[in-house]
Amino acid sequence: MRKKKKIRILKKENTLPKKTVEQKKKIKINNLIKTLKKKKIDLQFISASENIAWLLNIRGHDSEFTPIPNTYLSVGNDKKINLFCDLKKISTSFKKKLKQIKIIDIKKINIFLSKIKNKKILIDSSTCSIYFENILRKNNKIIEFFDPIYL
């Protein structure tokens, strides 16, 4: 008879030490914003958690075998960045390390996305759910393209 696995308590997300990070998040974010401006895109909605982890140099413990946090991110060409995650998993020190990023409860993502109007929004249709795409498409022009983070 197999042993039952214990239910794990989800641990708080963390940022990686600067020494272990190849490229600083500020440089990566600025490069992404340059790409958005070049393509005349107002906002990118990122739903691929691994891309968010790479872009912000963060890791989480939401899954048993991967350090990828369950998050969503919006990045505006005006440098407004919103991270959607479970606020119960966020420590004060984590918030301080991401002080230029607004951290929003993941439960409010639908409301947030539905309030975006008259914008040109980049999504990666291979990772963005149809549900979120439809919310964004209601009041905006959607540009489907590979997430520039992959490039």
C-alpha atoms as a PDB file:
ATOM      1  CA  MET A   1       0.000   0.000   0.000  1.00  0.00           C
ATOM      2  CA  ARG A   2       1.333   3.425  -0.982  1.00  0.00           C
ATOM      3  CA  LYS A   3       1.879   6.146   1.560  1.00  0.00           C
ATOM      4  CA  LYS A   4      -0.346   9.163   1.237  1.00  0.00           C
ATOM      5  CA  LYS A   5       1.554  12.346   0.590  1.00  0.00           C
ATOM      6  CA  LYS A   6       1.121  15.072   3.135  1.00  0.00           C
ATOM      7  CA  ILE A   7      -0.565  18.222   2.013  1.00  0.00           C
ATOM      8  CA  ARG A   8       2.083  20.877   1.761  1.00  0.00           C
ATOM      9  CA  ILE A   9       1.504  24.350   3.075  1.00  0.00           C
ATOM     10  CA  LEU A  10       2.363  26.774   0.313  1.00  0.00           C
ATOM     11  CA  LYS A  11       5.410  28.780   1.216  1.00  0.00           C
ATOM     12  CA  LYS A  12       5.949  32.449   0.500  1.00  0.00           C
ATOM     13  CA  GLU A  13       7.459  33.517  -2.795  1.00  0.00           C
ATOM     14  CA  ASN A  14      10.975  34.813  -2.781  1.00  0.00           C
ATOM     15  CA  THR A  15      13.339  36.771  -4.943  1.00  0.00           C
ATOM     16  CA  LEU A  16      16.635  35.331  -6.059  1.00  0.00           C
ATOM     17  CA  PRO A  17      19.876  36.735  -4.629  1.00  0.00           C
ATOM     18  CA  LYS A  18      21.488  39.294  -6.944  1.00  0.00           C
ATOM     19  CA  LYS A  19      24.645  37.163  -7.235  1.00  0.00           C
ATOM     20  CA  THR A  20      22.731  34.262  -8.803  1.00  0.00           C
ATOM     21  CA  VAL A  21      20.775  36.332 -11.297  1.00  0.00           C
ATOM     22  CA  GLU A  22      22.335  36.743 -14.705  1.00  0.00           C
ATOM     23  CA  GLN A  23      20.383  39.832 -15.710  1.00  0.00           C
ATOM     24  CA  LYS A  24      18.808  42.350 -13.335  1.00  0.00           C
ATOM     25  CA  LYS A  25      15.030  42.640 -13.438  1.00  0.00           C
ATOM     26  CA  LYS A  26      15.240  46.380 -14.116  1.00  0.00           C
ATOM     27  CA  ILE A  27      17.178  45.776 -17.350  1.00  0.00           C
ATOM     28  CA  LYS A  28      14.789  43.025 -18.462  1.00  0.00           C
ATOM     29  CA  ILE A  29      11.726  45.177 -17.712  1.00  0.00           C
ATOM     30  CA  ASN A  30      13.209  48.163 -19.555  1.00  0.00           C
ATOM     31  CA  ASN A  31      13.967  45.966 -22.581  1.00  0.00           C
ATOM     32  CA  LEU A  32      10.389  44.681 -22.572  1.00  0.00           C
ATOM     33  CA  ILE A  33       8.996  48.222 -22.353  1.00  0.00           C
ATOM     34  CA  LYS A  34      11.230  49.296 -25.269  1.00  0.00           C
ATOM     35  CA  THR A  35       9.783  46.428 -27.314  1.00  0.00           C
ATOM     36  CA  LEU A  36       6.222  47.474 -26.426  1.00  0.00           C
ATOM     37  CA  LYS A  37       6.904  51.078 -27.433  1.00  0.00           C
ATOM     38  CA  LYS A  38       8.595  50.001 -30.668  1.00  0.00           C
ATOM     39  CA  LYS A  39       5.537  47.910 -31.600  1.00  0.00           C
ATOM     40  CA  LYS A  40       3.176  50.703 -30.421  1.00  0.00           C
ATOM     41  CA  ILE A  41       1.567  48.461 -27.820  1.00  0.00           C
ATOM     42  CA  ASP A  42       0.078  49.991 -24.668  1.00  0.00           C
ATOM     43  CA  LEU A  43       0.203  46.955 -22.416  1.00  0.00           C
ATOM     44  CA  GLN A  44       1.305  43.352 -22.292  1.00  0.00           C
ATOM     45  CA  PHE A  45      -0.621  40.802 -20.262  1.00  0.00           C
ATOM     46  CA  ILE A  46       1.663  37.933 -19.257  1.00  0.00           C
ATOM     47  CA  SER A  47      -0.012  34.740 -18.130  1.00  0.00           C
ATOM     48  CA  ALA A  48       2.961  32.368 -18.398  1.00  0.00           C
ATOM     49  CA  SER A  49       4.207  32.078 -14.825  1.00  0.00           C
ATOM     50  CA  GLU A  50       7.670  30.948 -15.930  1.00  0.00           C
ATOM     51  CA  ASN A  51       8.073  34.175 -17.917  1.00  0.00           C
ATOM     52  CA  ILE A  52       7.033  36.254 -14.922  1.00  0.00           C
ATOM     53  CA  ALA A  53       9.475  34.339 -12.706  1.00  0.00           C
ATOM     54  CA  TRP A  54      12.294  35.030 -15.177  1.00  0.00           C
ATOM     55  CA  LEU A  55      11.386  38.683 -15.763  1.00  0.00           C
ATOM     56  CA  LEU A  56      11.120  39.574 -12.063  1.00  0.00           C
ATOM     57  CA  ASN A  57      13.750  37.094 -10.806  1.00  0.00           C
ATOM     58  CA  ILE A  58      11.282  35.515  -8.402  1.00  0.00           C
ATOM     59  CA  ARG A  59      10.526  31.949  -7.405  1.00  0.00           C
ATOM     60  CA  GLY A  60       7.656  30.370  -5.533  1.00  0.00           C
ATOM     61  CA  HIS A  61       6.567  27.110  -4.009  1.00  0.00           C
ATOM     62  CA  ASP A  62       3.080  26.784  -5.468  1.00  0.00           C
ATOM     63  CA  SER A  63       3.848  23.471  -7.165  1.00  0.00           C
ATOM     64  CA  GLU A  64       5.606  20.491  -5.673  1.00  0.00           C
ATOM     65  CA  PHE A  65       8.288  20.008  -8.324  1.00  0.00           C
ATOM     66  CA  THR A  66       8.839  23.457  -9.786  1.00  0.00           C
ATOM     67  CA  PRO A  67       9.806  26.817  -8.276  1.00  0.00           C
ATOM     68  CA  ILE A  68       7.371  28.728 -10.481  1.00  0.00           C
ATOM     69  CA  PRO A  69       4.893  30.994  -8.646  1.00  0.00           C
ATOM     70  CA  ASN A  70       1.243  31.104  -9.744  1.00  0.00           C
ATOM     71  CA  THR A  71       1.088  34.697 -10.947  1.00  0.00           C
ATOM     72  CA  TYR A  72      -0.051  37.003 -13.738  1.00  0.00           C
ATOM     73  CA  LEU A  73       1.546  40.277 -14.774  1.00  0.00           C
ATOM     74  CA  SER A  74       0.577  43.365 -16.722  1.00  0.00           C
ATOM     75  CA  VAL A  75       3.320  45.633 -18.037  1.00  0.00           C
ATOM     76  CA  GLY A  76       2.416  48.996 -19.506  1.00  0.00           C
ATOM     77  CA  ASN A  77       4.576  50.973 -21.891  1.00  0.00           C
ATOM     78  CA  ASP A  78       4.192  53.740 -19.277  1.00  0.00           C
ATOM     79  CA  LYS A  79       6.191  51.528 -16.851  1.00  0.00           C
ATOM     80  CA  LYS A  80       3.128  50.672 -14.738  1.00  0.00           C
ATOM     81  CA  ILE A  81       3.524  47.065 -13.656  1.00  0.00           C
ATOM     82  CA  ASN A  82       0.936  44.982 -11.809  1.00  0.00           C
ATOM     83  CA  LEU A  83       1.683  41.584 -10.298  1.00  0.00           C
ATOM     84  CA  PHE A  84      -1.323  39.402  -9.474  1.00  0.00           C
ATOM     85  CA  CYS A  85      -0.727  36.743  -6.842  1.00  0.00           C
ATOM     86  CA  ASP A  86      -2.041  35.279  -3.606  1.00  0.00           C
ATOM     87  CA  LEU A  87      -1.354  38.055  -1.093  1.00  0.00           C
ATOM     88  CA  LYS A  88      -1.142  35.524   1.745  1.00  0.00           C
ATOM     89  CA  LYS A  89       2.119  34.283   0.227  1.00  0.00           C
ATOM     90  CA  ILE A  90       3.795  37.675   0.061  1.00  0.00           C
ATOM     91  CA  SER A  91       6.105  38.874   2.813  1.00  0.00           C
ATOM     92  CA  THR A  92       6.960  42.477   3.625  1.00  0.00           C
ATOM     93  CA  SER A  93      10.545  41.960   2.445  1.00  0.00           C
ATOM     94  CA  PHE A  94       9.248  40.605  -0.880  1.00  0.00           C
ATOM     95  CA  LYS A  95       7.104  43.727  -1.318  1.00  0.00           C
ATOM     96  CA  LYS A  96      10.107  45.942  -0.577  1.00  0.00           C
ATOM     97  CA  LYS A  97      12.199  44.203  -3.241  1.00  0.00           C
ATOM     98  CA  LEU A  98       9.432  44.827  -5.782  1.00  0.00           C
ATOM     99  CA  LYS A  99       8.564  48.339  -4.620  1.00  0.00           C
ATOM    100  CA  GLN A 100       8.088  49.709  -8.169  1.00  0.00           C
ATOM    101  CA  ILE A 101       5.521  46.980  -8.874  1.00  0.00           C
ATOM    102  CA  LYS A 102       1.937  47.115  -7.653  1.00  0.00           C
ATOM    103  CA  ILE A 103       0.986  43.799  -6.068  1.00  0.00           C
ATOM    104  CA  ILE A 104      -2.711  42.939  -6.417  1.00  0.00           C
ATOM    105  CA  ASP A 105      -4.740  40.036  -5.058  1.00  0.00           C
ATOM    106  CA  ILE A 106      -5.094  37.412  -7.781  1.00  0.00           C
ATOM    107  CA  LYS A 107      -8.819  37.194  -6.946  1.00  0.00           C
ATOM    108  CA  LYS A 108      -9.257  40.718  -8.366  1.00  0.00           C
ATOM    109  CA  ILE A 109      -7.711  40.045 -11.763  1.00  0.00           C
ATOM    110  CA  ASN A 110     -11.082  39.811 -13.564  1.00  0.00           C
ATOM    111  CA  ILE A 111     -12.137  43.237 -12.281  1.00  0.00           C
ATOM    112  CA  PHE A 112      -8.761  44.750 -13.140  1.00  0.00           C
ATOM    113  CA  LEU A 113      -8.729  43.378 -16.698  1.00  0.00           C
ATOM    114  CA  SER A 114     -12.335  44.394 -17.379  1.00  0.00           C
ATOM    115  CA  LYS A 115     -11.509  48.017 -16.459  1.00  0.00           C
ATOM    116  CA  ILE A 116      -8.848  48.302 -19.177  1.00  0.00           C
ATOM    117  CA  LYS A 117     -10.338  50.175 -22.124  1.00  0.00           C
ATOM    118  CA  ASN A 118      -9.234  51.404 -25.540  1.00  0.00           C
ATOM    119  CA  LYS A 119      -5.751  49.921 -25.337  1.00  0.00           C
ATOM    120  CA  LYS A 120      -3.625  47.926 -27.716  1.00  0.00           C
ATOM    121  CA  ILE A 121      -2.784  44.816 -25.673  1.00  0.00           C
ATOM    122  CA  LEU A 122      -0.221  42.151 -26.421  1.00  0.00           C
ATOM    123  CA  ILE A 123      -1.011  38.598 -25.387  1.00  0.00           C
ATOM    124  CA  ASP A 124       0.680  35.342 -26.216  1.00  0.00           C
ATOM    125  CA  SER A 125      -2.211  33.218 -27.465  1.00  0.00           C
ATOM    126  CA  SER A 126      -0.215  30.056 -26.802  1.00  0.00           C
ATOM    127  CA  THR A 127      -0.196  30.799 -23.054  1.00  0.00           C
ATOM    128  CA  CYS A 128      -3.078  33.204 -22.405  1.00  0.00           C
ATOM    129  CA  SER A 129      -6.380  31.553 -21.561  1.00  0.00           C
ATOM    130  CA  ILE A 130      -9.384  32.210 -23.784  1.00  0.00           C
ATOM    131  CA  TYR A 131     -11.166  33.435 -20.664  1.00  0.00           C
ATOM    132  CA  PHE A 132      -8.682  36.290 -20.068  1.00  0.00           C
ATOM    133  CA  GLU A 133      -8.378  36.973 -23.785  1.00  0.00           C
ATOM    134  CA  ASN A 134     -12.154  37.455 -24.037  1.00  0.00           C
ATOM    135  CA  ILE A 135     -12.208  39.846 -21.070  1.00  0.00           C
ATOM    136  CA  LEU A 136      -9.452  41.943 -22.647  1.00  0.00           C
ATOM    137  CA  ARG A 137     -10.914  41.750 -26.162  1.00  0.00           C
ATOM    138  CA  LYS A 138     -14.225  43.291 -25.033  1.00  0.00           C
ATOM    139  CA  ASN A 139     -12.892  46.853 -24.823  1.00  0.00           C
ATOM    140  CA  ASN A 140      -9.453  46.678 -26.433  1.00  0.00           C
ATOM    141  CA  LYS A 141      -7.534  45.721 -29.527  1.00  0.00           C
ATOM    142  CA  ILE A 142      -5.683  42.450 -28.986  1.00  0.00           C
ATOM    143  CA  ILE A 143      -2.349  41.793 -30.637  1.00  0.00           C
ATOM    144  CA  GLU A 144      -1.436  38.118 -30.638  1.00  0.00           C
ATOM    145  CA  PHE A 145       2.280  37.536 -30.809  1.00  0.00           C
ATOM    146  CA  PHE A 146       4.866  35.351 -29.139  1.00  0.00           C
ATOM    147  CA  ASP A 147       5.715  36.778 -25.758  1.00  0.00           C
ATOM    148  CA  PRO A 148       8.812  38.981 -26.352  1.00  0.00           C
ATOM    149  CA  ILE A 149      10.328  37.410 -23.243  1.00  0.00           C
ATOM    150  CA  TYR A 150      10.895  34.249 -25.314  1.00  0.00           C
ATOM    151  CA  LEU A 151      12.866  36.198 -27.912  1.00  0.00           C
END
